[in-house]
PDB file of all heavy atoms in Angstrom:
ATOM      1  N   VAL A   1      11.860   2.498 -21.860  1.00  0.00           N
ATOM      2  CA  VAL A   1      12.510   3.287 -20.906  1.00  0.00           C
ATOM      3  C   VAL A   1      11.752   3.064 -19.636  1.00  0.00           C
ATOM      4  O   VAL A   1      10.514   3.505 -19.657  1.00  0.00           O
ATOM      5  CB  VAL A   1      12.546   4.799 -21.296  1.00  0.00           C
ATOM      6  CG1 VAL A   1      13.268   5.629 -20.319  1.00  0.00           C
ATOM      7  CG2 VAL A   1      13.187   4.770 -22.774  1.00  0.00           C
ATOM      8  N   SER A   2      12.456   2.700 -18.586  1.00  0.00           N
ATOM      9  CA  SER A   2      11.734   2.465 -17.276  1.00  0.00           C
ATOM     10  C   SER A   2      12.481   3.263 -16.043  1.00  0.00           C
ATOM     11  O   SER A   2      13.541   3.535 -16.275  1.00  0.00           O
ATOM     12  CB  SER A   2      11.619   1.036 -17.019  1.00  0.00           C
ATOM     13  OG  SER A   2      12.973   0.443 -16.743  1.00  0.00           O
ATOM     14  N   ALA A   3      11.629   3.496 -15.180  1.00  0.00           N
ATOM     15  CA  ALA A   3      12.143   4.113 -13.941  1.00  0.00           C
ATOM     16  C   ALA A   3      11.170   3.874 -12.794  1.00  0.00           C
ATOM     17  O   ALA A   3      10.008   3.567 -12.985  1.00  0.00           O
ATOM     18  CB  ALA A   3      12.189   5.696 -14.220  1.00  0.00           C
ATOM     19  N   THR A   4      11.767   3.802 -11.627  1.00  0.00           N
ATOM     20  CA  THR A   4      10.948   3.766 -10.365  1.00  0.00           C
ATOM     21  C   THR A   4      11.005   5.122  -9.572  1.00  0.00           C
ATOM     22  O   THR A   4      12.065   5.388  -9.112  1.00  0.00           O
ATOM     23  CB  THR A   4      11.365   2.524  -9.507  1.00  0.00           C
ATOM     24  OG1 THR A   4      11.352   1.375 -10.204  1.00  0.00           O
ATOM     25  CG2 THR A   4      10.577   2.511  -8.241  1.00  0.00           C
ATOM     26  N   ILE A   5       9.944   5.848  -9.652  1.00  0.00           N
ATOM     27  CA  ILE A   5       9.969   7.228  -9.093  1.00  0.00           C
ATOM     28  C   ILE A   5       9.541   7.176  -7.638  1.00  0.00           C
ATOM     29  O   ILE A   5       8.405   6.831  -7.244  1.00  0.00           O
ATOM     30  CB  ILE A   5       9.051   8.109  -9.876  1.00  0.00           C
ATOM     31  CG1 ILE A   5       9.427   8.219 -11.321  1.00  0.00           C
ATOM     32  CG2 ILE A   5       9.163   9.541  -9.323  1.00  0.00           C
ATOM     33  CD1 ILE A   5       8.616   8.875 -12.236  1.00  0.00           C
ATOM     34  N   GLU A   6      10.565   7.368  -6.701  1.00  0.00           N
ATOM     35  CA  GLU A   6      10.302   7.191  -5.321  1.00  0.00           C
ATOM     36  C   GLU A   6      11.062   8.389  -4.602  1.00  0.00           C
ATOM     37  O   GLU A   6      12.147   8.753  -4.986  1.00  0.00           O
ATOM     38  CB  GLU A   6      10.633   5.969  -4.746  1.00  0.00           C
ATOM     39  CG  GLU A   6       9.898   4.777  -5.185  1.00  0.00           C
ATOM     40  CD  GLU A   6      10.435   3.414  -4.601  1.00  0.00           C
ATOM     41  OE1 GLU A   6      11.558   3.397  -4.022  1.00  0.00           O
ATOM     42  OE2 GLU A   6       9.688   2.532  -4.745  1.00  0.00           O
ATOM     43  N   GLU A   7      10.465   8.967  -3.523  1.00  0.00           N
ATOM     44  CA  GLU A   7      11.226   9.832  -2.636  1.00  0.00           C
ATOM     45  C   GLU A   7      12.485   9.229  -2.009  1.00  0.00           C
ATOM     46  O   GLU A   7      12.365   8.009  -1.639  1.00  0.00           O
ATOM     47  CB  GLU A   7      10.281  10.401  -1.567  1.00  0.00           C
ATOM     48  CG  GLU A   7       9.154  11.238  -2.177  1.00  0.00           C
ATOM     49  CD  GLU A   7       8.197  11.868  -1.170  1.00  0.00           C
ATOM     50  OE1 GLU A   7       7.506  10.855  -0.597  1.00  0.00           O
ATOM     51  OE2 GLU A   7       7.930  13.004  -1.040  1.00  0.00           O
ATOM     52  N   ASP A   8      13.488   9.978  -1.807  1.00  0.00           N
ATOM     53  CA  ASP A   8      14.732   9.483  -1.329  1.00  0.00           C
ATOM     54  C   ASP A   8      14.672   9.927   0.169  1.00  0.00           C
ATOM     55  O   ASP A   8      14.917  11.095   0.544  1.00  0.00           O
ATOM     56  CB  ASP A   8      15.924  10.058  -2.104  1.00  0.00           C
ATOM     57  CG  ASP A   8      17.274   9.598  -1.322  1.00  0.00           C
ATOM     58  OD1 ASP A   8      17.200   8.588  -0.565  1.00  0.00           O
ATOM     59  OD2 ASP A   8      18.275  10.005  -1.831  1.00  0.00           O
ATOM     60  N   TYR A   9      14.610   8.871   1.079  1.00  0.00           N
ATOM     61  CA  TYR A   9      14.501   9.022   2.441  1.00  0.00           C
ATOM     62  C   TYR A   9      15.867   8.723   3.263  1.00  0.00           C
ATOM     63  O   TYR A   9      15.990   8.930   4.419  1.00  0.00           O
ATOM     64  CB  TYR A   9      13.493   8.308   3.173  1.00  0.00           C
ATOM     65  CG  TYR A   9      12.035   8.604   2.711  1.00  0.00           C
ATOM     66  CD1 TYR A   9      11.432   7.715   1.705  1.00  0.00           C
ATOM     67  CD2 TYR A   9      11.433   9.763   3.063  1.00  0.00           C
ATOM     68  CE1 TYR A   9      10.165   8.056   1.238  1.00  0.00           C
ATOM     69  CE2 TYR A   9      10.101  10.071   2.593  1.00  0.00           C
ATOM     70  CZ  TYR A   9       9.545   9.126   1.662  1.00  0.00           C
ATOM     71  OH  TYR A   9       8.266   9.416   1.188  1.00  0.00           O
ATOM     72  N   SER A  10      16.816   8.547   2.418  1.00  0.00           N
ATOM     73  CA  SER A  10      18.198   8.122   2.968  1.00  0.00           C
ATOM     74  C   SER A  10      18.840   9.167   3.789  1.00  0.00           C
ATOM     75  O   SER A  10      19.695   8.990   4.720  1.00  0.00           O
ATOM     76  CB  SER A  10      19.152   7.607   1.949  1.00  0.00           C
ATOM     77  OG  SER A  10      19.402   8.647   0.983  1.00  0.00           O
ATOM     78  N   THR A  11      18.519  10.508   3.522  1.00  0.00           N
ATOM     79  CA  THR A  11      19.229  11.485   4.248  1.00  0.00           C
ATOM     80  C   THR A  11      18.385  12.178   5.414  1.00  0.00           C
ATOM     81  O   THR A  11      18.687  13.137   5.980  1.00  0.00           O
ATOM     82  CB  THR A  11      19.381  12.828   3.147  1.00  0.00           C
ATOM     83  OG1 THR A  11      18.177  13.092   2.665  1.00  0.00           O
ATOM     84  CG2 THR A  11      20.341  12.305   2.033  1.00  0.00           C
ATOM     85  N   TRP A  12      17.258  11.508   5.669  1.00  0.00           N
ATOM     86  CA  TRP A  12      16.349  12.026   6.748  1.00  0.00           C
ATOM     87  C   TRP A  12      17.033  11.694   8.180  1.00  0.00           C
ATOM     88  O   TRP A  12      17.710  10.682   8.290  1.00  0.00           O
ATOM     89  CB  TRP A  12      15.032  11.234   6.703  1.00  0.00           C
ATOM     90  CG  TRP A  12      14.006  11.856   5.723  1.00  0.00           C
ATOM     91  CD1 TRP A  12      14.226  12.550   4.585  1.00  0.00           C
ATOM     92  CD2 TRP A  12      12.598  11.968   5.931  1.00  0.00           C
ATOM     93  NE1 TRP A  12      13.048  12.993   3.953  1.00  0.00           N
ATOM     94  CE2 TRP A  12      12.098  12.564   4.824  1.00  0.00           C
ATOM     95  CE3 TRP A  12      11.773  11.383   6.995  1.00  0.00           C
ATOM     96  CZ2 TRP A  12      10.669  12.875   4.569  1.00  0.00           C
ATOM     97  CZ3 TRP A  12      10.404  11.566   6.710  1.00  0.00           C
ATOM     98  CH2 TRP A  12       9.993  12.416   5.524  1.00  0.00           C
ATOM     99  N   THR A  13      16.781  12.733   9.014  1.00  0.00           N
ATOM    100  CA  THR A  13      17.261  12.480  10.316  1.00  0.00           C
ATOM    101  C   THR A  13      16.393  11.720  11.255  1.00  0.00           C
ATOM    102  O   THR A  13      15.264  11.360  10.848  1.00  0.00           O
ATOM    103  CB  THR A  13      17.435  13.863  11.006  1.00  0.00           C
ATOM    104  OG1 THR A  13      16.196  14.442  11.158  1.00  0.00           O
ATOM    105  CG2 THR A  13      18.333  14.846  10.109  1.00  0.00           C
ATOM    106  N   ALA A  14      16.865  11.332  12.318  1.00  0.00           N
ATOM    107  CA  ALA A  14      16.109  10.503  13.320  1.00  0.00           C
ATOM    108  C   ALA A  14      14.901  11.152  13.706  1.00  0.00           C
ATOM    109  O   ALA A  14      13.824  10.574  13.867  1.00  0.00           O
ATOM    110  CB  ALA A  14      16.990  10.203  14.544  1.00  0.00           C
ATOM    111  N   GLN A  15      14.904  12.511  13.901  1.00  0.00           N
ATOM    112  CA  GLN A  15      13.820  13.386  14.200  1.00  0.00           C
ATOM    113  C   GLN A  15      12.764  13.389  13.101  1.00  0.00           C
ATOM    114  O   GLN A  15      11.531  13.236  13.352  1.00  0.00           O
ATOM    115  CB  GLN A  15      14.222  14.860  14.476  1.00  0.00           C
ATOM    116  CG  GLN A  15      13.123  15.751  14.917  1.00  0.00           C
ATOM    117  CD  GLN A  15      12.387  15.433  16.109  1.00  0.00           C
ATOM    118  OE1 GLN A  15      12.930  14.760  16.923  1.00  0.00           O
ATOM    119  NE2 GLN A  15      11.068  15.762  16.170  1.00  0.00           N
ATOM    120  N   GLN A  16      13.251  13.496  11.899  1.00  0.00           N
ATOM    121  CA  GLN A  16      12.277  13.441  10.708  1.00  0.00           C
ATOM    122  C   GLN A  16      11.483  12.138  10.578  1.00  0.00           C
ATOM    123  O   GLN A  16      10.362  11.929  10.395  1.00  0.00           O
ATOM    124  CB  GLN A  16      12.985  13.768   9.392  1.00  0.00           C
ATOM    125  CG  GLN A  16      13.400  15.181   9.221  1.00  0.00           C
ATOM    126  CD  GLN A  16      14.181  15.387   7.917  1.00  0.00           C
ATOM    127  OE1 GLN A  16      15.233  14.719   7.737  1.00  0.00           O
ATOM    128  NE2 GLN A  16      13.800  16.254   7.077  1.00  0.00           N
ATOM    129  N   MET A  17      12.178  11.028  10.872  1.00  0.00           N
ATOM    130  CA  MET A  17      11.653   9.775  10.873  1.00  0.00           C
ATOM    131  C   MET A  17      10.645   9.460  11.976  1.00  0.00           C
ATOM    132  O   MET A  17       9.630   8.828  11.939  1.00  0.00           O
ATOM    133  CB  MET A  17      12.691   8.585  10.894  1.00  0.00           C
ATOM    134  CG  MET A  17      13.603   8.589   9.754  1.00  0.00           C
ATOM    135  SD  MET A  17      12.916   8.138   8.134  1.00  0.00           S
ATOM    136  CE  MET A  17      12.538   6.444   8.373  1.00  0.00           C
ATOM    137  N   ALA A  18      10.949  10.130  13.173  1.00  0.00           N
ATOM    138  CA  ALA A  18      10.164   9.957  14.249  1.00  0.00           C
ATOM    139  C   ALA A  18       8.711  10.617  14.070  1.00  0.00           C
ATOM    140  O   ALA A  18       7.797  10.263  14.683  1.00  0.00           O
ATOM    141  CB  ALA A  18      10.758  10.444  15.542  1.00  0.00           C
ATOM    142  N   THR A  19       8.789  11.674  13.349  1.00  0.00           N
ATOM    143  CA  THR A  19       7.518  12.467  13.126  1.00  0.00           C
ATOM    144  C   THR A  19       6.853  12.182  11.776  1.00  0.00           C
ATOM    145  O   THR A  19       6.048  12.924  11.379  1.00  0.00           O
ATOM    146  CB  THR A  19       7.816  14.029  13.180  1.00  0.00           C
ATOM    147  OG1 THR A  19       8.787  14.265  12.282  1.00  0.00           O
ATOM    148  CG2 THR A  19       8.445  14.293  14.667  1.00  0.00           C
ATOM    149  N   ALA A  20       7.341  11.133  11.100  1.00  0.00           N
ATOM    150  CA  ALA A  20       6.790  10.828   9.777  1.00  0.00           C
ATOM    151  C   ALA A  20       5.534  10.126   9.763  1.00  0.00           C
ATOM    152  O   ALA A  20       4.988   9.586  10.755  1.00  0.00           O
ATOM    153  CB  ALA A  20       7.785   9.950   9.024  1.00  0.00           C
ATOM    154  N   PRO A  21       4.806  10.105   8.649  1.00  0.00           N
ATOM    155  CA  PRO A  21       3.520   9.303   8.607  1.00  0.00           C
ATOM    156  C   PRO A  21       3.841   7.852   8.635  1.00  0.00           C
ATOM    157  O   PRO A  21       4.949   7.396   8.300  1.00  0.00           O
ATOM    158  CB  PRO A  21       2.859   9.654   7.255  1.00  0.00           C
ATOM    159  CG  PRO A  21       4.061  10.146   6.480  1.00  0.00           C
ATOM    160  CD  PRO A  21       5.058  10.845   7.357  1.00  0.00           C
ATOM    161  N   ASP A  22       2.685   7.087   9.164  1.00  0.00           N
ATOM    162  CA  ASP A  22       2.936   5.630   9.173  1.00  0.00           C
ATOM    163  C   ASP A  22       1.658   4.968   8.775  1.00  0.00           C
ATOM    164  O   ASP A  22       0.759   5.017   9.471  1.00  0.00           O
ATOM    165  CB  ASP A  22       3.210   5.225  10.634  1.00  0.00           C
ATOM    166  CG  ASP A  22       3.444   3.760  10.857  1.00  0.00           C
ATOM    167  OD1 ASP A  22       3.387   3.047   9.880  1.00  0.00           O
ATOM    168  OD2 ASP A  22       3.633   3.287  12.062  1.00  0.00           O
ATOM    169  N   ILE A  23       1.791   4.294   7.550  1.00  0.00           N
ATOM    170  CA  ILE A  23       0.560   3.687   6.935  1.00  0.00           C
ATOM    171  C   ILE A  23       0.368   2.415   7.451  1.00  0.00           C
ATOM    172  O   ILE A  23       1.387   1.600   7.737  1.00  0.00           O
ATOM    173  CB  ILE A  23       0.679   3.735   5.274  1.00  0.00           C
ATOM    174  CG1 ILE A  23      -0.577   3.286   4.826  1.00  0.00           C
ATOM    175  CG2 ILE A  23       1.885   2.896   4.990  1.00  0.00           C
ATOM    176  CD1 ILE A  23      -0.695   3.300   3.246  1.00  0.00           C
ATOM    177  N   LEU A  24      -0.976   2.079   7.856  1.00  0.00           N
ATOM    178  CA  LEU A  24      -1.260   0.751   8.396  1.00  0.00           C
ATOM    179  C   LEU A  24      -2.466   0.178   7.525  1.00  0.00           C
ATOM    180  O   LEU A  24      -3.507   0.836   7.602  1.00  0.00           O
ATOM    181  CB  LEU A  24      -1.588   0.794   9.861  1.00  0.00           C
ATOM    182  CG  LEU A  24      -2.001  -0.490  10.513  1.00  0.00           C
ATOM    183  CD1 LEU A  24      -1.018  -1.566  10.420  1.00  0.00           C
ATOM    184  CD2 LEU A  24      -2.542  -0.255  11.974  1.00  0.00           C
ATOM    185  N   ILE A  25      -2.275  -0.919   6.892  1.00  0.00           N
ATOM    186  CA  ILE A  25      -3.431  -1.582   6.290  1.00  0.00           C
ATOM    187  C   ILE A  25      -3.280  -3.100   6.882  1.00  0.00           C
ATOM    188  O   ILE A  25      -2.453  -3.846   6.416  1.00  0.00           O
ATOM    189  CB  ILE A  25      -3.372  -1.605   4.847  1.00  0.00           C
ATOM    190  CG1 ILE A  25      -3.390  -0.219   4.323  1.00  0.00           C
ATOM    191  CG2 ILE A  25      -4.530  -2.348   4.196  1.00  0.00           C
ATOM    192  CD1 ILE A  25      -3.166  -0.094   2.784  1.00  0.00           C
ATOM    193  N   GLU A  26      -4.186  -3.415   7.889  1.00  0.00           N
ATOM    194  CA  GLU A  26      -3.993  -4.740   8.572  1.00  0.00           C
ATOM    195  C   GLU A  26      -4.355  -5.859   7.677  1.00  0.00           C
ATOM    196  O   GLU A  26      -3.556  -6.922   7.650  1.00  0.00           O
ATOM    197  CB  GLU A  26      -4.920  -4.750   9.756  1.00  0.00           C
ATOM    198  CG  GLU A  26      -4.430  -3.797  10.892  1.00  0.00           C
ATOM    199  CD  GLU A  26      -5.192  -4.002  12.264  1.00  0.00           C
ATOM    200  OE1 GLU A  26      -6.182  -4.625  12.057  1.00  0.00           O
ATOM    201  OE2 GLU A  26      -4.736  -3.567  13.296  1.00  0.00           O
ATOM    202  N   ASP A  27      -5.415  -5.832   6.868  1.00  0.00           N
ATOM    203  CA  ASP A  27      -5.849  -6.884   6.040  1.00  0.00           C
ATOM    204  C   ASP A  27      -5.482  -6.576   4.632  1.00  0.00           C
ATOM    205  O   ASP A  27      -6.139  -5.882   3.923  1.00  0.00           O
ATOM    206  CB  ASP A  27      -7.292  -7.174   6.133  1.00  0.00           C
ATOM    207  CG  ASP A  27      -7.709  -7.770   7.640  1.00  0.00           C
ATOM    208  OD1 ASP A  27      -6.894  -8.443   8.189  1.00  0.00           O
ATOM    209  OD2 ASP A  27      -8.767  -7.340   8.063  1.00  0.00           O
ATOM    210  N   LYS A  28      -4.347  -7.161   4.087  1.00  0.00           N
ATOM    211  CA  LYS A  28      -3.918  -6.827   2.833  1.00  0.00           C
ATOM    212  C   LYS A  28      -4.300  -7.700   1.726  1.00  0.00           C
ATOM    213  O   LYS A  28      -4.121  -7.533   0.568  1.00  0.00           O
ATOM    214  CB  LYS A  28      -2.308  -6.706   2.792  1.00  0.00           C
ATOM    215  CG  LYS A  28      -1.703  -5.683   3.703  1.00  0.00           C
ATOM    216  CD  LYS A  28      -0.237  -5.600   3.521  1.00  0.00           C
ATOM    217  CE  LYS A  28       0.341  -4.638   4.547  1.00  0.00           C
ATOM    218  NZ  LYS A  28       0.259  -5.096   5.889  1.00  0.00           N
ATOM    219  N   VAL A  29      -5.019  -8.814   2.047  1.00  0.00           N
ATOM    220  CA  VAL A  29      -5.435  -9.848   1.183  1.00  0.00           C
ATOM    221  C   VAL A  29      -7.017 -10.008   1.317  1.00  0.00           C
ATOM    222  O   VAL A  29      -7.425 -10.269   2.563  1.00  0.00           O
ATOM    223  CB  VAL A  29      -4.733 -11.160   1.269  1.00  0.00           C
ATOM    224  CG1 VAL A  29      -5.256 -12.158   0.387  1.00  0.00           C
ATOM    225  CG2 VAL A  29      -3.229 -10.978   1.106  1.00  0.00           C
ATOM    226  N   PHE A  30      -7.769 -10.014   0.299  1.00  0.00           N
ATOM    227  CA  PHE A  30      -9.206 -10.192   0.338  1.00  0.00           C
ATOM    228  C   PHE A  30      -9.502 -11.415  -0.550  1.00  0.00           C
ATOM    229  O   PHE A  30      -9.317 -11.380  -1.762  1.00  0.00           O
ATOM    230  CB  PHE A  30      -9.985  -9.059  -0.092  1.00  0.00           C
ATOM    231  CG  PHE A  30     -11.464  -9.387  -0.198  1.00  0.00           C
ATOM    232  CD1 PHE A  30     -12.178  -9.627   0.906  1.00  0.00           C
ATOM    233  CD2 PHE A  30     -12.181  -9.180  -1.472  1.00  0.00           C
ATOM    234  CE1 PHE A  30     -13.606  -9.930   0.853  1.00  0.00           C
ATOM    235  CE2 PHE A  30     -13.512  -9.624  -1.592  1.00  0.00           C
ATOM    236  CZ  PHE A  30     -14.167  -9.876  -0.422  1.00  0.00           C
ATOM    237  N   ASP A  31     -10.044 -12.459   0.056  1.00  0.00           N
ATOM    238  CA  ASP A  31     -10.404 -13.710  -0.766  1.00  0.00           C
ATOM    239  C   ASP A  31     -11.875 -13.691  -0.873  1.00  0.00           C
ATOM    240  O   ASP A  31     -12.586 -13.822   0.100  1.00  0.00           O
ATOM    241  CB  ASP A  31      -9.981 -15.004  -0.102  1.00  0.00           C
ATOM    242  CG  ASP A  31      -9.998 -16.211  -0.939  1.00  0.00           C
ATOM    243  OD1 ASP A  31     -10.908 -16.153  -1.803  1.00  0.00           O
ATOM    244  OD2 ASP A  31      -9.424 -17.183  -0.521  1.00  0.00           O
ATOM    245  N   PHE A  32     -12.345 -13.450  -2.268  1.00  0.00           N
ATOM    246  CA  PHE A  32     -13.865 -13.423  -2.464  1.00  0.00           C
ATOM    247  C   PHE A  32     -14.442 -14.708  -2.672  1.00  0.00           C
ATOM    248  O   PHE A  32     -15.555 -14.926  -3.069  1.00  0.00           O
ATOM    249  CB  PHE A  32     -14.140 -12.464  -3.536  1.00  0.00           C
ATOM    250  CG  PHE A  32     -13.354 -12.749  -4.839  1.00  0.00           C
ATOM    251  CD1 PHE A  32     -13.756 -13.782  -5.732  1.00  0.00           C
ATOM    252  CD2 PHE A  32     -12.291 -11.971  -5.271  1.00  0.00           C
ATOM    253  CE1 PHE A  32     -13.214 -13.959  -6.971  1.00  0.00           C
ATOM    254  CE2 PHE A  32     -11.591 -12.174  -6.482  1.00  0.00           C
ATOM    255  CZ  PHE A  32     -12.024 -13.184  -7.226  1.00  0.00           C
ATOM    256  N   GLY A  33     -13.565 -15.841  -2.550  1.00  0.00           N
ATOM    257  CA  GLY A  33     -14.061 -17.220  -2.662  1.00  0.00           C
ATOM    258  C   GLY A  33     -14.477 -17.549  -4.049  1.00  0.00           C
ATOM    259  O   GLY A  33     -13.584 -17.329  -5.036  1.00  0.00           O
ATOM    260  N   GLU A  34     -15.619 -18.194  -4.340  1.00  0.00           N
ATOM    261  CA  GLU A  34     -15.982 -18.580  -5.698  1.00  0.00           C
ATOM    262  C   GLU A  34     -17.135 -17.717  -6.154  1.00  0.00           C
ATOM    263  O   GLU A  34     -18.264 -17.686  -5.373  1.00  0.00           O
ATOM    264  CB  GLU A  34     -16.389 -20.087  -5.623  1.00  0.00           C
ATOM    265  CG  GLU A  34     -16.638 -20.643  -7.045  1.00  0.00           C
ATOM    266  CD  GLU A  34     -16.837 -22.226  -6.883  1.00  0.00           C
ATOM    267  OE1 GLU A  34     -15.794 -22.962  -6.862  1.00  0.00           O
ATOM    268  OE2 GLU A  34     -17.932 -22.700  -6.991  1.00  0.00           O
ATOM    269  N   ILE A  35     -17.050 -17.202  -7.340  1.00  0.00           N
ATOM    270  CA  ILE A  35     -18.201 -16.394  -7.896  1.00  0.00           C
ATOM    271  C   ILE A  35     -18.388 -16.837  -9.387  1.00  0.00           C
ATOM    272  O   ILE A  35     -17.494 -17.416 -10.023  1.00  0.00           O
ATOM    273  CB  ILE A  35     -17.876 -14.927  -7.796  1.00  0.00           C
ATOM    274  CG1 ILE A  35     -16.551 -14.530  -8.675  1.00  0.00           C
ATOM    275  CG2 ILE A  35     -17.767 -14.409  -6.343  1.00  0.00           C
ATOM    276  CD1 ILE A  35     -16.439 -12.992  -8.708  1.00  0.00           C
ATOM    277  N   LYS A  36     -19.470 -16.426  -9.928  1.00  0.00           N
ATOM    278  CA  LYS A  36     -19.762 -16.631 -11.307  1.00  0.00           C
ATOM    279  C   LYS A  36     -19.312 -15.495 -12.191  1.00  0.00           C
ATOM    280  O   LYS A  36     -19.015 -14.522 -11.686  1.00  0.00           O
ATOM    281  CB  LYS A  36     -21.294 -16.920 -11.393  1.00  0.00           C
ATOM    282  CG  LYS A  36     -21.818 -18.127 -10.826  1.00  0.00           C
ATOM    283  CD  LYS A  36     -23.347 -18.314 -10.929  1.00  0.00           C
ATOM    284  CE  LYS A  36     -23.925 -19.590 -10.440  1.00  0.00           C
ATOM    285  NZ  LYS A  36     -25.199 -19.762 -10.691  1.00  0.00           N
ATOM    286  N   GLN A  37     -19.326 -15.828 -13.500  1.00  0.00           N
ATOM    287  CA  GLN A  37     -18.870 -14.827 -14.275  1.00  0.00           C
ATOM    288  C   GLN A  37     -19.933 -13.744 -14.443  1.00  0.00           C
ATOM    289  O   GLN A  37     -21.069 -13.906 -14.145  1.00  0.00           O
ATOM    290  CB  GLN A  37     -18.763 -15.372 -15.846  1.00  0.00           C
ATOM    291  CG  GLN A  37     -17.449 -16.259 -15.943  1.00  0.00           C
ATOM    292  CD  GLN A  37     -17.267 -16.627 -17.412  1.00  0.00           C
ATOM    293  OE1 GLN A  37     -18.291 -16.745 -18.180  1.00  0.00           O
ATOM    294  NE2 GLN A  37     -16.092 -16.830 -17.852  1.00  0.00           N
ATOM    295  N   ASN A  38     -19.494 -12.522 -14.838  1.00  0.00           N
ATOM    296  CA  ASN A  38     -20.294 -11.278 -14.842  1.00  0.00           C
ATOM    297  C   ASN A  38     -20.804 -10.801 -13.529  1.00  0.00           C
ATOM    298  O   ASN A  38     -21.907 -10.263 -13.544  1.00  0.00           O
ATOM    299  CB  ASN A  38     -21.444 -11.546 -15.842  1.00  0.00           C
ATOM    300  CG  ASN A  38     -20.978 -11.907 -17.312  1.00  0.00           C
ATOM    301  OD1 ASN A  38     -20.088 -11.283 -17.763  1.00  0.00           O
ATOM    302  ND2 ASN A  38     -21.649 -12.901 -17.851  1.00  0.00           N
ATOM    303  N   VAL A  39     -19.907 -11.145 -12.535  1.00  0.00           N
ATOM    304  CA  VAL A  39     -20.529 -10.655 -11.272  1.00  0.00           C
ATOM    305  C   VAL A  39     -19.405  -9.795 -10.681  1.00  0.00           C
ATOM    306  O   VAL A  39     -18.107  -9.948 -10.904  1.00  0.00           O
ATOM    307  CB  VAL A  39     -20.503 -11.995 -10.239  1.00  0.00           C
ATOM    308  CG1 VAL A  39     -20.777 -11.385  -8.785  1.00  0.00           C
ATOM    309  CG2 VAL A  39     -21.736 -12.737 -10.623  1.00  0.00           C
ATOM    310  N   LYS A  40     -19.728  -8.610  -9.963  1.00  0.00           N
ATOM    311  CA  LYS A  40     -18.782  -7.649  -9.414  1.00  0.00           C
ATOM    312  C   LYS A  40     -18.718  -7.873  -7.935  1.00  0.00           C
ATOM    313  O   LYS A  40     -19.735  -8.273  -7.238  1.00  0.00           O
ATOM    314  CB  LYS A  40     -19.258  -6.269  -9.679  1.00  0.00           C
ATOM    315  CG  LYS A  40     -19.091  -5.774 -11.199  1.00  0.00           C
ATOM    316  CD  LYS A  40     -19.542  -4.380 -11.310  1.00  0.00           C
ATOM    317  CE  LYS A  40     -19.413  -3.899 -12.795  1.00  0.00           C
ATOM    318  NZ  LYS A  40     -19.740  -2.496 -12.926  1.00  0.00           N
ATOM    319  N   VAL A  41     -17.424  -7.850  -7.463  1.00  0.00           N
ATOM    320  CA  VAL A  41     -17.186  -8.085  -6.095  1.00  0.00           C
ATOM    321  C   VAL A  41     -16.431  -6.799  -5.535  1.00  0.00           C
ATOM    322  O   VAL A  41     -15.619  -6.264  -6.241  1.00  0.00           O
ATOM    323  CB  VAL A  41     -16.297  -9.254  -5.822  1.00  0.00           C
ATOM    324  CG1 VAL A  41     -15.994  -9.461  -4.315  1.00  0.00           C
ATOM    325  CG2 VAL A  41     -16.956 -10.603  -6.299  1.00  0.00           C
ATOM    326  N   GLU A  42     -16.850  -6.349  -4.449  1.00  0.00           N
ATOM    327  CA  GLU A  42     -16.464  -5.006  -3.998  1.00  0.00           C
ATOM    328  C   GLU A  42     -15.818  -5.275  -2.547  1.00  0.00           C
ATOM    329  O   GLU A  42     -16.417  -6.007  -1.712  1.00  0.00           O
ATOM    330  CB  GLU A  42     -17.496  -3.953  -3.715  1.00  0.00           C
ATOM    331  CG  GLU A  42     -17.008  -2.556  -3.377  1.00  0.00           C
ATOM    332  CD  GLU A  42     -18.275  -1.552  -3.366  1.00  0.00           C
ATOM    333  OE1 GLU A  42     -18.698  -1.214  -4.381  1.00  0.00           O
ATOM    334  OE2 GLU A  42     -18.494  -1.021  -2.191  1.00  0.00           O
ATOM    335  N   HIS A  43     -14.662  -4.539  -2.243  1.00  0.00           N
ATOM    336  CA  HIS A  43     -14.083  -4.830  -0.997  1.00  0.00           C
ATOM    337  C   HIS A  43     -13.317  -3.454  -0.598  1.00  0.00           C
ATOM    338  O   HIS A  43     -12.724  -2.892  -1.460  1.00  0.00           O
ATOM    339  CB  HIS A  43     -13.014  -5.982  -0.831  1.00  0.00           C
ATOM    340  CG  HIS A  43     -12.348  -6.043   0.395  1.00  0.00           C
ATOM    341  ND1 HIS A  43     -13.059  -6.509   1.580  1.00  0.00           N
ATOM    342  CD2 HIS A  43     -11.147  -5.795   0.895  1.00  0.00           C
ATOM    343  CE1 HIS A  43     -12.221  -6.490   2.562  1.00  0.00           C
ATOM    344  NE2 HIS A  43     -10.996  -6.069   2.268  1.00  0.00           N
ATOM    345  N   ALA A  44     -13.513  -3.087   0.599  1.00  0.00           N
ATOM    346  CA  ALA A  44     -12.874  -1.866   1.209  1.00  0.00           C
ATOM    347  C   ALA A  44     -11.728  -2.200   2.013  1.00  0.00           C
ATOM    348  O   ALA A  44     -11.878  -2.729   3.135  1.00  0.00           O
ATOM    349  CB  ALA A  44     -13.943  -0.983   1.926  1.00  0.00           C
TER     350      ALA A  44
END
């Protein structure tokens, strides 16, 4: 049994959309290059 639980924004007015939050993540991909086994890599 599967479902995708998301808020329904189809009924929002133009005013609601204009005052809505706006998420920005500029760098969505982090390439940690080449590492050895048993090593931890951290990225924010």
